[in-house]
Amino acid sequence: MHLYEEIKVKGVQFITAGAVSASWWGGDYHGTEEGYLKVSINGDDFGWEYVDYGWEAK
């Protein structure tokens, strides 16, 4: 769906984010700006953040 979501169901965590195929972006989509999910892994630890491209769709 290309939305930034964090969902936990029965102990399993699902994380989704925007698409990198920016050609079809016409602006934010249900509150998700143009961007991508950045995942950081360090041993058994991990984190994530949504990174907005920072451009205005025209």
PDB file of N, CA and C in Angstrom:
ATOM      1  N   MET A   1       0.801  -1.195   0.000  1.00  0.00           N
ATOM      2  CA  MET A   1       0.000   0.000   0.000  1.00  0.00           C
ATOM      3  C   MET A   1       0.842   1.256   0.000  1.00  0.00           C
ATOM      4  N   HIS A   2       2.135   1.139   0.211  1.00  0.00           N
ATOM      5  CA  HIS A   2       3.047   2.279   0.210  1.00  0.00           C
ATOM      6  C   HIS A   2       2.725   3.295   1.300  1.00  0.00           C
ATOM      7  N   LEU A   3       2.212   2.822   2.402  1.00  0.00           N
ATOM      8  CA  LEU A   3       1.963   3.660   3.568  1.00  0.00           C
ATOM      9  C   LEU A   3       2.987   3.317   4.630  1.00  0.00           C
ATOM     10  N   TYR A   4       3.325   4.274   5.477  1.00  0.00           N
ATOM     11  CA  TYR A   4       4.196   3.988   6.606  1.00  0.00           C
ATOM     12  C   TYR A   4       3.313   3.432   7.711  1.00  0.00           C
ATOM     13  N   GLU A   5       3.516   2.154   8.043  1.00  0.00           N
ATOM     14  CA  GLU A   5       2.712   1.489   9.058  1.00  0.00           C
ATOM     15  C   GLU A   5       3.594   0.651   9.974  1.00  0.00           C
ATOM     16  N   GLU A   6       3.205   0.560  11.218  1.00  0.00           N
ATOM     17  CA  GLU A   6       3.798  -0.370  12.180  1.00  0.00           C
ATOM     18  C   GLU A   6       2.637  -1.121  12.805  1.00  0.00           C
ATOM     19  N   ILE A   7       2.601  -2.431  12.579  1.00  0.00           N
ATOM     20  CA  ILE A   7       1.501  -3.257  13.054  1.00  0.00           C
ATOM     21  C   ILE A   7       2.090  -4.445  13.806  1.00  0.00           C
ATOM     22  N   LYS A   8       1.527  -4.764  14.949  1.00  0.00           N
ATOM     23  CA  LYS A   8       1.947  -5.941  15.710  1.00  0.00           C
ATOM     24  C   LYS A   8       0.731  -6.836  15.892  1.00  0.00           C
ATOM     25  N   VAL A   9       0.851  -8.091  15.415  1.00  0.00           N
ATOM     26  CA  VAL A   9      -0.237  -9.054  15.500  1.00  0.00           C
ATOM     27  C   VAL A   9       0.301 -10.332  16.129  1.00  0.00           C
ATOM     28  N   LYS A  10      -0.254 -10.700  17.272  1.00  0.00           N
ATOM     29  CA  LYS A  10       0.124 -11.949  17.961  1.00  0.00           C
ATOM     30  C   LYS A  10       1.635 -12.067  18.129  1.00  0.00           C
ATOM     31  N   GLY A  11       2.283 -10.969  18.495  1.00  0.00           N
ATOM     32  CA  GLY A  11       3.714 -10.983  18.773  1.00  0.00           C
ATOM     33  C   GLY A  11       4.614 -10.835  17.565  1.00  0.00           C
ATOM     34  N   VAL A  12       4.039 -10.714  16.372  1.00  0.00           N
ATOM     35  CA  VAL A  12       4.825 -10.531  15.151  1.00  0.00           C
ATOM     36  C   VAL A  12       4.664  -9.088  14.700  1.00  0.00           C
ATOM     37  N   GLN A  13       5.776  -8.421  14.456  1.00  0.00           N
ATOM     38  CA  GLN A  13       5.746  -7.012  14.066  1.00  0.00           C
ATOM     39  C   GLN A  13       5.952  -6.873  12.567  1.00  0.00           C
ATOM     40  N   PHE A  14       5.083  -6.091  11.943  1.00  0.00           N
ATOM     41  CA  PHE A  14       5.156  -5.811  10.512  1.00  0.00           C
ATOM     42  C   PHE A  14       5.399  -4.315  10.340  1.00  0.00           C
ATOM     43  N   ILE A  15       6.373  -3.969   9.494  1.00  0.00           N
ATOM     44  CA  ILE A  15       6.692  -2.575   9.218  1.00  0.00           C
ATOM     45  C   ILE A  15       6.696  -2.401   7.698  1.00  0.00           C
ATOM     46  N   THR A  16       5.904  -1.461   7.212  1.00  0.00           N
ATOM     47  CA  THR A  16       5.898  -1.166   5.780  1.00  0.00           C
ATOM     48  C   THR A  16       6.129   0.331   5.592  1.00  0.00           C
ATOM     49  N   ALA A  17       6.490   0.698   4.379  1.00  0.00           N
ATOM     50  CA  ALA A  17       6.787   2.117   4.138  1.00  0.00           C
ATOM     51  C   ALA A  17       6.508   2.483   2.691  1.00  0.00           C
ATOM     52  N   GLY A  18       6.794   3.727   2.340  1.00  0.00           N
ATOM     53  CA  GLY A  18       6.544   4.265   1.009  1.00  0.00           C
ATOM     54  C   GLY A  18       7.369   3.591  -0.069  1.00  0.00           C
ATOM     55  N   ALA A  19       7.013   3.907  -1.284  1.00  0.00           N
ATOM     56  CA  ALA A  19       7.689   3.316  -2.440  1.00  0.00           C
ATOM     57  C   ALA A  19       8.837   4.208  -2.909  1.00  0.00           C
ATOM     58  N   VAL A  20       9.827   3.582  -3.531  1.00  0.00           N
ATOM     59  CA  VAL A  20      10.934   4.356  -4.105  1.00  0.00           C
ATOM     60  C   VAL A  20      10.665   4.687  -5.567  1.00  0.00           C
ATOM     61  N   SER A  21       9.585   4.150  -6.119  1.00  0.00           N
ATOM     62  CA  SER A  21       9.231   4.461  -7.510  1.00  0.00           C
ATOM     63  C   SER A  21       8.476   5.784  -7.542  1.00  0.00           C
ATOM     64  N   ALA A  22       9.207   6.854  -7.441  1.00  0.00           N
ATOM     65  CA  ALA A  22       8.622   8.180  -7.226  1.00  0.00           C
ATOM     66  C   ALA A  22       7.875   8.728  -8.433  1.00  0.00           C
ATOM     67  N   SER A  23       7.955   8.089  -9.583  1.00  0.00           N
ATOM     68  CA  SER A  23       7.322   8.667 -10.770  1.00  0.00           C
ATOM     69  C   SER A  23       5.812   8.782 -10.639  1.00  0.00           C
ATOM     70  N   TRP A  24       5.185   7.962  -9.823  1.00  0.00           N
ATOM     71  CA  TRP A  24       3.734   8.035  -9.702  1.00  0.00           C
ATOM     72  C   TRP A  24       3.267   8.852  -8.497  1.00  0.00           C
ATOM     73  N   TRP A  25       4.187   9.334  -7.666  1.00  0.00           N
ATOM     74  CA  TRP A  25       3.785  10.125  -6.503  1.00  0.00           C
ATOM     75  C   TRP A  25       3.186  11.451  -6.953  1.00  0.00           C
ATOM     76  N   GLY A  26       2.046  11.779  -6.394  1.00  0.00           N
ATOM     77  CA  GLY A  26       1.415  13.059  -6.680  1.00  0.00           C
ATOM     78  C   GLY A  26       1.325  13.898  -5.420  1.00  0.00           C
ATOM     79  N   GLY A  27       2.056  13.523  -4.408  1.00  0.00           N
ATOM     80  CA  GLY A  27       1.998  14.171  -3.100  1.00  0.00           C
ATOM     81  C   GLY A  27       1.817  13.105  -2.035  1.00  0.00           C
ATOM     82  N   ASP A  28       1.540  13.535  -0.814  1.00  0.00           N
ATOM     83  CA  ASP A  28       1.402  12.538   0.248  1.00  0.00           C
ATOM     84  C   ASP A  28       0.203  11.631  -0.015  1.00  0.00           C
ATOM     85  N   TYR A  29       0.318  10.396   0.443  1.00  0.00           N
ATOM     86  CA  TYR A  29      -0.717   9.388   0.250  1.00  0.00           C
ATOM     87  C   TYR A  29      -1.216   8.960   1.610  1.00  0.00           C
ATOM     88  N   HIS A  30      -2.381   9.412   1.988  1.00  0.00           N
ATOM     89  CA  HIS A  30      -2.959   9.129   3.305  1.00  0.00           C
ATOM     90  C   HIS A  30      -1.984   9.453   4.432  1.00  0.00           C
ATOM     91  N   GLY A  31      -1.267  10.565   4.288  1.00  0.00           N
ATOM     92  CA  GLY A  31      -0.348  11.019   5.323  1.00  0.00           C
ATOM     93  C   GLY A  31       1.083  10.540   5.181  1.00  0.00           C
ATOM     94  N   THR A  32       1.359   9.653   4.219  1.00  0.00           N
ATOM     95  CA  THR A  32       2.726   9.177   3.997  1.00  0.00           C
ATOM     96  C   THR A  32       3.357  10.010   2.883  1.00  0.00           C
ATOM     97  N   GLU A  33       4.413  10.741   3.227  1.00  0.00           N
ATOM     98  CA  GLU A  33       5.128  11.552   2.242  1.00  0.00           C
ATOM     99  C   GLU A  33       6.009  10.665   1.356  1.00  0.00           C
ATOM    100  N   GLU A  34       6.495  11.234   0.249  1.00  0.00           N
ATOM    101  CA  GLU A  34       7.396  10.514  -0.650  1.00  0.00           C
ATOM    102  C   GLU A  34       8.676  10.177   0.109  1.00  0.00           C
ATOM    103  N   GLY A  35       9.039   8.910   0.161  1.00  0.00           N
ATOM    104  CA  GLY A  35      10.241   8.538   0.902  1.00  0.00           C
ATOM    105  C   GLY A  35      10.468   7.045   0.960  1.00  0.00           C
ATOM    106  N   TYR A  36      11.245   6.632   1.956  1.00  0.00           N
ATOM    107  CA  TYR A  36      11.619   5.222   2.082  1.00  0.00           C
ATOM    108  C   TYR A  36      11.883   4.897   3.556  1.00  0.00           C
ATOM    109  N   LEU A  37      11.947   3.623   3.870  1.00  0.00           N
ATOM    110  CA  LEU A  37      12.218   3.164   5.222  1.00  0.00           C
ATOM    111  C   LEU A  37      13.703   2.828   5.349  1.00  0.00           C
ATOM    112  N   LYS A  38      14.368   3.414   6.326  1.00  0.00           N
ATOM    113  CA  LYS A  38      15.786   3.139   6.595  1.00  0.00           C
ATOM    114  C   LYS A  38      15.852   2.220   7.818  1.00  0.00           C
ATOM    115  N   VAL A  39      16.468   1.068   7.637  1.00  0.00           N
ATOM    116  CA  VAL A  39      16.593   0.069   8.709  1.00  0.00           C
ATOM    117  C   VAL A  39      18.055  -0.005   9.131  1.00  0.00           C
ATOM    118  N   SER A  40      18.289   0.044  10.445  1.00  0.00           N
ATOM    119  CA  SER A  40      19.639  -0.071  10.995  1.00  0.00           C
ATOM    120  C   SER A  40      19.727  -1.356  11.810  1.00  0.00           C
ATOM    121  N   ILE A  41      20.782  -2.134  11.587  1.00  0.00           N
ATOM    122  CA  ILE A  41      20.977  -3.398  12.295  1.00  0.00           C
ATOM    123  C   ILE A  41      22.355  -3.386  12.932  1.00  0.00           C
ATOM    124  N   ASN A  42      22.397  -3.744  14.215  1.00  0.00           N
ATOM    125  CA  ASN A  42      23.644  -3.827  14.953  1.00  0.00           C
ATOM    126  C   ASN A  42      23.561  -5.058  15.852  1.00  0.00           C
ATOM    127  N   GLY A  43      24.093  -6.172  15.375  1.00  0.00           N
ATOM    128  CA  GLY A  43      23.984  -7.420  16.129  1.00  0.00           C
ATOM    129  C   GLY A  43      22.530  -7.853  16.210  1.00  0.00           C
ATOM    130  N   ASP A  44      22.012  -8.034  17.430  1.00  0.00           N
ATOM    131  CA  ASP A  44      20.614  -8.424  17.626  1.00  0.00           C
ATOM    132  C   ASP A  44      19.683  -7.218  17.723  1.00  0.00           C
ATOM    133  N   ASP A  45      20.233  -6.022  17.715  1.00  0.00           N
ATOM    134  CA  ASP A  45      19.415  -4.809  17.820  1.00  0.00           C
ATOM    135  C   ASP A  45      19.112  -4.247  16.434  1.00  0.00           C
ATOM    136  N   PHE A  46      17.913  -3.745  16.284  1.00  0.00           N
ATOM    137  CA  PHE A  46      17.579  -3.080  15.033  1.00  0.00           C
ATOM    138  C   PHE A  46      16.630  -1.922  15.309  1.00  0.00           C
ATOM    139  N   GLY A  47      16.629  -0.990  14.387  1.00  0.00           N
ATOM    140  CA  GLY A  47      15.749   0.163  14.480  1.00  0.00           C
ATOM    141  C   GLY A  47      15.371   0.594  13.083  1.00  0.00           C
ATOM    142  N   TRP A  48      14.448   1.515  12.985  1.00  0.00           N
ATOM    143  CA  TRP A  48      14.006   1.985  11.691  1.00  0.00           C
ATOM    144  C   TRP A  48      13.496   3.415  11.797  1.00  0.00           C
ATOM    145  N   GLU A  49      13.529   4.070  10.649  1.00  0.00           N
ATOM    146  CA  GLU A  49      12.965   5.413  10.559  1.00  0.00           C
ATOM    147  C   GLU A  49      12.497   5.636   9.133  1.00  0.00           C
ATOM    148  N   TYR A  50      11.432   6.408   8.996  1.00  0.00           N
ATOM    149  CA  TYR A  50      10.941   6.762   7.673  1.00  0.00           C
ATOM    150  C   TYR A  50      11.637   8.042   7.242  1.00  0.00           C
ATOM    151  N   VAL A  51      12.235   8.036   6.057  1.00  0.00           N
ATOM    152  CA  VAL A  51      12.991   9.174   5.556  1.00  0.00           C
ATOM    153  C   VAL A  51      12.208   9.805   4.408  1.00  0.00           C
ATOM    154  N   ASP A  52      11.801  11.041   4.585  1.00  0.00           N
ATOM    155  CA  ASP A  52      11.085  11.794   3.551  1.00  0.00           C
ATOM    156  C   ASP A  52      12.100  12.303   2.533  1.00  0.00           C
ATOM    157  N   TYR A  53      11.797  12.136   1.229  1.00  0.00           N
ATOM    158  CA  TYR A  53      12.690  12.656   0.186  1.00  0.00           C
ATOM    159  C   TYR A  53      12.901  14.154   0.323  1.00  0.00           C
ATOM    160  N   GLY A  54      11.876  14.863   0.775  1.00  0.00           N
ATOM    161  CA  GLY A  54      12.008  16.303   0.953  1.00  0.00           C
ATOM    162  C   GLY A  54      11.721  17.115  -0.296  1.00  0.00           C
ATOM    163  N   TRP A  55      11.097  16.515  -1.305  1.00  0.00           N
ATOM    164  CA  TRP A  55      10.757  17.287  -2.496  1.00  0.00           C
ATOM    165  C   TRP A  55       9.246  17.430  -2.577  1.00  0.00           C
ATOM    166  N   GLU A  56       8.817  18.440  -3.305  1.00  0.00           N
ATOM    167  CA  GLU A  56       7.397  18.713  -3.499  1.00  0.00           C
ATOM    168  C   GLU A  56       6.950  18.126  -4.838  1.00  0.00           C
ATOM    169  N   ALA A  57       5.914  17.310  -4.796  1.00  0.00           N
ATOM    170  CA  ALA A  57       5.367  16.742  -6.036  1.00  0.00           C
ATOM    171  C   ALA A  57       4.681  17.831  -6.839  1.00  0.00           C
ATOM    172  N   LYS A  58       4.829  17.775  -8.155  1.00  0.00           N
ATOM    173  CA  LYS A  58       4.213  18.783  -9.034  1.00  0.00           C
ATOM    174  C   LYS A  58       3.269  18.135 -10.006  1.00  0.00           C
TER     175      LYS A  58
END
